[in-house]
Amino acid sequence: MEALLTGESWNFSLPISCFGGSKETYDQVILLFLDGFGWKLFERHLEHPFLRRFMEKGVVSKITSQFPSTTSAQVTTIHTGQEVGQTG
């Protein structure tokens, strides 16, 4: 998030394609964290206006969850940038 806003610290754990494919900076960045909403559900509901807008005006990326796939592990990782084994 910091890199997308400031242009500093381009050390992503996700591929650059998840961020539009370039190292641009933005005035606003929205991180939408949908816990328990798998790719199969996303594909099933692609025509919903909410998801269609993301497809047309944003970047949607298929990523794999880390193990263990639990809310506590995912939320801690997304806030700290550390892997599950590092946070305990």
C-alpha atoms as a PDB file:
ATOM      1  CA  MET A   1       0.000   0.000   0.000  1.00  0.00           C
ATOM      2  CA  GLU A   2       2.810   2.384   0.891  1.00  0.00           C
ATOM      3  CA  ALA A   3       4.545   1.842  -2.446  1.00  0.00           C
ATOM      4  CA  LEU A   4       1.351   2.432  -4.406  1.00  0.00           C
ATOM      5  CA  LEU A   5       0.858   5.751  -2.625  1.00  0.00           C
ATOM      6  CA  THR A   6       4.441   6.980  -2.312  1.00  0.00           C
ATOM      7  CA  GLY A   7       6.496   5.092  -4.910  1.00  0.00           C
ATOM      8  CA  GLU A   8       8.848   3.815  -2.189  1.00  0.00           C
ATOM      9  CA  SER A   9       9.562   0.234  -1.041  1.00  0.00           C
ATOM     10  CA  TRP A  10       8.589  -1.708  -4.180  1.00  0.00           C
ATOM     11  CA  ASN A  11       9.204  -5.027  -2.394  1.00  0.00           C
ATOM     12  CA  PHE A  12       5.943  -6.817  -3.123  1.00  0.00           C
ATOM     13  CA  SER A  13       5.162 -10.356  -2.114  1.00  0.00           C
ATOM     14  CA  LEU A  14       2.568 -10.390  -4.922  1.00  0.00           C
ATOM     15  CA  PRO A  15       3.362 -10.183  -8.640  1.00  0.00           C
ATOM     16  CA  ILE A  16       3.419  -6.681 -10.123  1.00  0.00           C
ATOM     17  CA  SER A  17       0.470  -7.743 -12.318  1.00  0.00           C
ATOM     18  CA  CYS A  18      -1.677  -7.635  -9.163  1.00  0.00           C
ATOM     19  CA  PHE A  19      -1.068  -3.898  -9.108  1.00  0.00           C
ATOM     20  CA  GLY A  20      -1.923  -3.093 -12.717  1.00  0.00           C
ATOM     21  CA  GLY A  21       1.430  -4.188 -14.150  1.00  0.00           C
ATOM     22  CA  SER A  22       3.404  -1.026 -13.532  1.00  0.00           C
ATOM     23  CA  LYS A  23       5.038   0.854 -10.706  1.00  0.00           C
ATOM     24  CA  GLU A  24       2.642   3.793 -10.812  1.00  0.00           C
ATOM     25  CA  THR A  25       1.686   5.794  -7.778  1.00  0.00           C
ATOM     26  CA  TYR A  26      -1.880   6.752  -6.978  1.00  0.00           C
ATOM     27  CA  ASP A  27      -3.671   9.410  -4.970  1.00  0.00           C
ATOM     28  CA  GLN A  28      -6.067   6.822  -3.550  1.00  0.00           C
ATOM     29  CA  VAL A  29      -5.774   3.067  -3.062  1.00  0.00           C
ATOM     30  CA  ILE A  30      -8.529   0.743  -1.907  1.00  0.00           C
ATOM     31  CA  LEU A  31      -7.712  -2.656  -0.467  1.00  0.00           C
ATOM     32  CA  LEU A  32     -10.757  -4.881  -0.474  1.00  0.00           C
ATOM     33  CA  PHE A  33     -10.211  -7.928   1.705  1.00  0.00           C
ATOM     34  CA  LEU A  34     -12.982 -10.499   1.196  1.00  0.00           C
ATOM     35  CA  ASP A  35     -12.452 -13.261   3.709  1.00  0.00           C
ATOM     36  CA  GLY A  36     -13.884 -16.608   2.632  1.00  0.00           C
ATOM     37  CA  PHE A  37     -14.794 -15.441  -0.889  1.00  0.00           C
ATOM     38  CA  GLY A  38     -13.042 -17.949  -3.137  1.00  0.00           C
ATOM     39  CA  TRP A  39     -12.263 -17.657  -6.826  1.00  0.00           C
ATOM     40  CA  LYS A  40     -15.061 -20.098  -7.721  1.00  0.00           C
ATOM     41  CA  LEU A  41     -17.595 -17.752  -6.100  1.00  0.00           C
ATOM     42  CA  PHE A  42     -16.052 -14.822  -7.922  1.00  0.00           C
ATOM     43  CA  GLU A  43     -16.374 -16.614 -11.272  1.00  0.00           C
ATOM     44  CA  ARG A  44     -19.942 -17.672 -10.502  1.00  0.00           C
ATOM     45  CA  HIS A  45     -21.030 -14.094  -9.804  1.00  0.00           C
ATOM     46  CA  LEU A  46     -18.985 -12.223 -12.436  1.00  0.00           C
ATOM     47  CA  GLU A  47     -22.043 -10.540 -13.901  1.00  0.00           C
ATOM     48  CA  HIS A  48     -22.995  -8.893 -10.608  1.00  0.00           C
ATOM     49  CA  PRO A  49     -22.610  -5.096 -10.998  1.00  0.00           C
ATOM     50  CA  PHE A  50     -20.335  -4.868  -7.939  1.00  0.00           C
ATOM     51  CA  LEU A  51     -17.835  -7.405  -9.302  1.00  0.00           C
ATOM     52  CA  ARG A  52     -18.216  -6.219 -12.912  1.00  0.00           C
ATOM     53  CA  ARG A  53     -17.090  -2.747 -11.828  1.00  0.00           C
ATOM     54  CA  PHE A  54     -13.894  -4.171 -10.354  1.00  0.00           C
ATOM     55  CA  MET A  55     -13.213  -6.078 -13.554  1.00  0.00           C
ATOM     56  CA  GLU A  56     -13.731  -2.987 -15.718  1.00  0.00           C
ATOM     57  CA  LYS A  57     -12.183  -0.235 -13.589  1.00  0.00           C
ATOM     58  CA  GLY A  58      -9.719  -2.002 -11.334  1.00  0.00           C
ATOM     59  CA  VAL A  59      -7.402  -4.956 -11.077  1.00  0.00           C
ATOM     60  CA  VAL A  60      -8.647  -8.395 -10.070  1.00  0.00           C
ATOM     61  CA  SER A  61      -6.025 -11.064  -9.438  1.00  0.00           C
ATOM     62  CA  LYS A  62      -6.319 -14.737  -8.637  1.00  0.00           C
ATOM     63  CA  ILE A  63      -3.985 -15.503  -5.750  1.00  0.00           C
ATOM     64  CA  THR A  64      -3.497 -18.548  -3.561  1.00  0.00           C
ATOM     65  CA  SER A  65      -4.152 -18.421   0.137  1.00  0.00           C
ATOM     66  CA  GLN A  66      -1.405 -19.217   2.593  1.00  0.00           C
ATOM     67  CA  PHE A  67      -1.600 -22.192   4.916  1.00  0.00           C
ATOM     68  CA  PRO A  68      -3.283 -22.393   7.325  1.00  0.00           C
ATOM     69  CA  SER A  69      -6.152 -20.632   5.610  1.00  0.00           C
ATOM     70  CA  THR A  70      -7.774 -19.051   8.640  1.00  0.00           C
ATOM     71  CA  THR A  71      -9.051 -15.545   9.217  1.00  0.00           C
ATOM     72  CA  SER A  72      -6.620 -14.911  12.062  1.00  0.00           C
ATOM     73  CA  ALA A  73      -3.621 -15.918   9.940  1.00  0.00           C
ATOM     74  CA  GLN A  74      -4.722 -13.925   6.881  1.00  0.00           C
ATOM     75  CA  VAL A  75      -5.609 -10.744   8.770  1.00  0.00           C
ATOM     76  CA  THR A  76      -2.354 -10.779  10.745  1.00  0.00           C
ATOM     77  CA  THR A  77      -0.332 -11.295   7.567  1.00  0.00           C
ATOM     78  CA  ILE A  78      -2.093  -8.572   5.603  1.00  0.00           C
ATOM     79  CA  HIS A  79      -1.471  -6.058   8.403  1.00  0.00           C
ATOM     80  CA  THR A  80       2.122  -6.990   9.267  1.00  0.00           C
ATOM     81  CA  GLY A  81       3.522  -8.335   5.986  1.00  0.00           C
ATOM     82  CA  GLN A  82       4.917 -11.313   7.848  1.00  0.00           C
ATOM     83  CA  GLU A  83       4.221 -14.949   7.033  1.00  0.00           C
ATOM     84  CA  VAL A  84       2.123 -17.077   9.374  1.00  0.00           C
ATOM     85  CA  GLY A  85       5.173 -18.823  10.829  1.00  0.00           C
ATOM     86  CA  GLN A  86       6.727 -15.473  11.726  1.00  0.00           C
ATOM     87  CA  THR A  87       3.749 -14.137  13.641  1.00  0.00           C
ATOM     88  CA  GLY A  88       3.042 -17.174  15.782  1.00  0.00           C
END
